[in-house]
Amino acid sequence: MKELDPLVFVAVFQEMLGPLLWVMLLVAVVGTVAFLALLVRERGLVSRRLVRAEVLGVFGGALALVIMAKVSSSGFTDAGGPADWFLIALVYGVGLVATVILTYTLMGWMSPRRAAS
């Protein structure tokens, strides 16, 4: 394989996740736009809300690992080399970050920061 074709990744993820792939992509795009709009509206991050979102992110990373184990044909005991463990760590990290951004955004739009008077 001399060239890297992004459509191959789309085909593989479509085969593994089915319609869930498109739902996840839609949530990612809408969540990112809502997060950026919230940052612009509030002119920065709210530290208390960010810490709460980070705590929930730990569980989101674990959920990402569970989803990975369900959609793949191998489990964690099949991880043999450093590349496998790197991929597992990467999946956990992506799940953690995505959960932090989405929960921060949901908390921000549900209970916005009050302006200092």
C-alpha atoms as a PDB file:
ATOM      1  CA  MET A   1       0.000   0.000   0.000  1.00  0.00           C
ATOM      2  CA  LYS A   2       1.904   2.992  -1.308  1.00  0.00           C
ATOM      3  CA  GLU A   3      -0.828   5.594  -0.908  1.00  0.00           C
ATOM      4  CA  LEU A   4      -3.078   6.331   2.016  1.00  0.00           C
ATOM      5  CA  ASP A   5      -6.690   6.632   0.911  1.00  0.00           C
ATOM      6  CA  PRO A   6      -9.035   8.178   3.515  1.00  0.00           C
ATOM      7  CA  LEU A   7     -12.009   6.404   1.957  1.00  0.00           C
ATOM      8  CA  VAL A   8     -10.531   3.085   3.074  1.00  0.00           C
ATOM      9  CA  PHE A   9     -10.823   4.273   6.691  1.00  0.00           C
ATOM     10  CA  VAL A  10     -14.415   5.350   6.096  1.00  0.00           C
ATOM     11  CA  ALA A  11     -15.230   1.933   4.639  1.00  0.00           C
ATOM     12  CA  VAL A  12     -13.595   0.079   7.532  1.00  0.00           C
ATOM     13  CA  PHE A  13     -15.301   2.206  10.195  1.00  0.00           C
ATOM     14  CA  GLN A  14     -18.627   1.881   8.353  1.00  0.00           C
ATOM     15  CA  GLU A  15     -18.234  -1.891   8.383  1.00  0.00           C
ATOM     16  CA  MET A  16     -17.366  -1.946  12.102  1.00  0.00           C
ATOM     17  CA  LEU A  17     -19.834   0.618  13.449  1.00  0.00           C
ATOM     18  CA  GLY A  18     -22.644   0.606  10.907  1.00  0.00           C
ATOM     19  CA  PRO A  19     -25.040   3.552  11.264  1.00  0.00           C
ATOM     20  CA  LEU A  20     -23.453   4.438  14.618  1.00  0.00           C
ATOM     21  CA  LEU A  21     -20.501   5.891  12.664  1.00  0.00           C
ATOM     22  CA  TRP A  22     -22.652   8.622  11.154  1.00  0.00           C
ATOM     23  CA  VAL A  23     -24.346   9.372  14.464  1.00  0.00           C
ATOM     24  CA  MET A  24     -20.944   9.700  16.146  1.00  0.00           C
ATOM     25  CA  LEU A  25     -19.658  11.991  13.374  1.00  0.00           C
ATOM     26  CA  LEU A  26     -22.768  14.161  13.577  1.00  0.00           C
ATOM     27  CA  VAL A  27     -22.426  14.454  17.363  1.00  0.00           C
ATOM     28  CA  ALA A  28     -18.744  15.335  16.945  1.00  0.00           C
ATOM     29  CA  VAL A  29     -19.427  18.107  14.423  1.00  0.00           C
ATOM     30  CA  VAL A  30     -22.425  19.580  16.256  1.00  0.00           C
ATOM     31  CA  GLY A  31     -20.635  19.294  19.618  1.00  0.00           C
ATOM     32  CA  THR A  32     -17.529  21.052  18.309  1.00  0.00           C
ATOM     33  CA  VAL A  33     -19.529  23.907  16.805  1.00  0.00           C
ATOM     34  CA  ALA A  34     -21.550  24.280  20.027  1.00  0.00           C
ATOM     35  CA  PHE A  35     -18.329  24.231  22.092  1.00  0.00           C
ATOM     36  CA  LEU A  36     -16.742  26.972  19.962  1.00  0.00           C
ATOM     37  CA  ALA A  37     -19.932  29.049  20.129  1.00  0.00           C
ATOM     38  CA  LEU A  38     -19.956  28.668  23.917  1.00  0.00           C
ATOM     39  CA  LEU A  39     -16.323  29.781  24.149  1.00  0.00           C
ATOM     40  CA  VAL A  40     -17.071  32.853  22.057  1.00  0.00           C
ATOM     41  CA  ARG A  41     -20.195  33.657  24.078  1.00  0.00           C
ATOM     42  CA  GLU A  42     -18.483  33.286  27.461  1.00  0.00           C
ATOM     43  CA  ARG A  43     -15.122  34.659  26.277  1.00  0.00           C
ATOM     44  CA  GLY A  44     -13.175  31.792  27.836  1.00  0.00           C
ATOM     45  CA  LEU A  45     -13.350  28.626  29.886  1.00  0.00           C
ATOM     46  CA  VAL A  46     -15.069  28.255  33.259  1.00  0.00           C
ATOM     47  CA  SER A  47     -12.663  26.319  35.477  1.00  0.00           C
ATOM     48  CA  ARG A  48     -15.246  24.738  37.791  1.00  0.00           C
ATOM     49  CA  ARG A  49     -17.245  23.423  34.848  1.00  0.00           C
ATOM     50  CA  LEU A  50     -14.058  22.179  33.159  1.00  0.00           C
ATOM     51  CA  VAL A  51     -12.993  20.177  36.219  1.00  0.00           C
ATOM     52  CA  ARG A  52     -16.414  18.529  36.417  1.00  0.00           C
ATOM     53  CA  ALA A  53     -16.265  17.697  32.714  1.00  0.00           C
ATOM     54  CA  GLU A  54     -12.781  16.211  33.155  1.00  0.00           C
ATOM     55  CA  VAL A  55     -14.029  13.898  35.897  1.00  0.00           C
ATOM     56  CA  LEU A  56     -16.774  12.682  33.581  1.00  0.00           C
ATOM     57  CA  GLY A  57     -14.189  12.329  30.814  1.00  0.00           C
ATOM     58  CA  VAL A  58     -12.551   9.468  32.702  1.00  0.00           C
ATOM     59  CA  PHE A  59     -15.770   7.490  32.343  1.00  0.00           C
ATOM     60  CA  GLY A  60     -16.090   8.511  28.689  1.00  0.00           C
ATOM     61  CA  GLY A  61     -12.659   7.078  27.977  1.00  0.00           C
ATOM     62  CA  ALA A  62     -13.671   3.810  29.599  1.00  0.00           C
ATOM     63  CA  LEU A  63     -16.883   3.780  27.544  1.00  0.00           C
ATOM     64  CA  ALA A  64     -14.828   4.275  24.382  1.00  0.00           C
ATOM     65  CA  LEU A  65     -12.806   1.179  25.299  1.00  0.00           C
ATOM     66  CA  VAL A  66     -15.993  -0.807  25.843  1.00  0.00           C
ATOM     67  CA  ILE A  67     -17.329   0.286  22.445  1.00  0.00           C
ATOM     68  CA  MET A  68     -13.986  -0.606  20.843  1.00  0.00           C
ATOM     69  CA  ALA A  69     -14.081  -4.079  22.370  1.00  0.00           C
ATOM     70  CA  LYS A  70     -17.678  -4.615  21.193  1.00  0.00           C
ATOM     71  CA  VAL A  71     -17.125  -3.559  17.567  1.00  0.00           C
ATOM     72  CA  SER A  72     -13.764  -5.256  17.034  1.00  0.00           C
ATOM     73  CA  SER A  73     -13.207  -8.970  16.720  1.00  0.00           C
ATOM     74  CA  SER A  74     -10.442  -8.972  19.333  1.00  0.00           C
ATOM     75  CA  GLY A  75     -10.332  -8.150  23.015  1.00  0.00           C
ATOM     76  CA  PHE A  76      -7.788  -6.601  25.328  1.00  0.00           C
ATOM     77  CA  THR A  77      -6.122  -9.950  25.953  1.00  0.00           C
ATOM     78  CA  ASP A  78      -5.227 -10.107  22.244  1.00  0.00           C
ATOM     79  CA  ALA A  79      -3.065  -6.982  22.457  1.00  0.00           C
ATOM     80  CA  GLY A  80       0.434  -8.240  21.804  1.00  0.00           C
ATOM     81  CA  GLY A  81       2.778  -5.446  20.952  1.00  0.00           C
ATOM     82  CA  PRO A  82       3.409  -1.795  21.649  1.00  0.00           C
ATOM     83  CA  ALA A  83       1.319  -0.725  18.645  1.00  0.00           C
ATOM     84  CA  ASP A  84      -1.729  -2.487  20.075  1.00  0.00           C
ATOM     85  CA  TRP A  85      -1.305  -0.847  23.468  1.00  0.00           C
ATOM     86  CA  PHE A  86      -0.720   2.523  21.812  1.00  0.00           C
ATOM     87  CA  LEU A  87      -3.991   2.122  19.910  1.00  0.00           C
ATOM     88  CA  ILE A  88      -5.825   1.201  23.120  1.00  0.00           C
ATOM     89  CA  ALA A  89      -4.390   4.276  24.839  1.00  0.00           C
ATOM     90  CA  LEU A  90      -5.319   6.406  21.830  1.00  0.00           C
ATOM     91  CA  VAL A  91      -8.928   5.175  21.879  1.00  0.00           C
ATOM     92  CA  TYR A  92      -9.139   5.919  25.608  1.00  0.00           C
ATOM     93  CA  GLY A  93      -7.665   9.389  25.076  1.00  0.00           C
ATOM     94  CA  VAL A  94     -10.019  10.258  22.239  1.00  0.00           C
ATOM     95  CA  GLY A  95     -13.001   9.081  24.290  1.00  0.00           C
ATOM     96  CA  LEU A  96     -11.821  11.125  27.268  1.00  0.00           C
ATOM     97  CA  VAL A  97     -11.318  14.325  25.264  1.00  0.00           C
ATOM     98  CA  ALA A  98     -14.582  13.945  23.362  1.00  0.00           C
ATOM     99  CA  THR A  99     -16.496  13.393  26.599  1.00  0.00           C
ATOM    100  CA  VAL A 100     -14.873  16.412  28.237  1.00  0.00           C
ATOM    101  CA  ILE A 101     -15.751  18.678  25.315  1.00  0.00           C
ATOM    102  CA  LEU A 102     -19.315  17.398  25.002  1.00  0.00           C
ATOM    103  CA  THR A 103     -20.106  17.484  28.733  1.00  0.00           C
ATOM    104  CA  TYR A 104     -18.501  20.920  29.149  1.00  0.00           C
ATOM    105  CA  THR A 105     -20.613  22.160  26.257  1.00  0.00           C
ATOM    106  CA  LEU A 106     -23.834  20.630  27.589  1.00  0.00           C
ATOM    107  CA  MET A 107     -23.218  22.027  31.080  1.00  0.00           C
ATOM    108  CA  GLY A 108     -22.414  25.437  29.603  1.00  0.00           C
ATOM    109  CA  TRP A 109     -25.535  25.717  27.498  1.00  0.00           C
ATOM    110  CA  MET A 110     -27.792  24.307  30.243  1.00  0.00           C
ATOM    111  CA  SER A 111     -26.530  26.645  32.966  1.00  0.00           C
ATOM    112  CA  PRO A 112     -24.574  29.547  31.521  1.00  0.00           C
ATOM    113  CA  ARG A 113     -22.109  31.549  33.572  1.00  0.00           C
ATOM    114  CA  ARG A 114     -23.561  34.624  35.174  1.00  0.00           C
ATOM    115  CA  ALA A 115     -21.923  37.896  34.249  1.00  0.00           C
ATOM    116  CA  ALA A 116     -19.959  39.593  37.038  1.00  0.00           C
ATOM    117  CA  SER A 117     -21.604  42.823  38.138  1.00  0.00           C
END
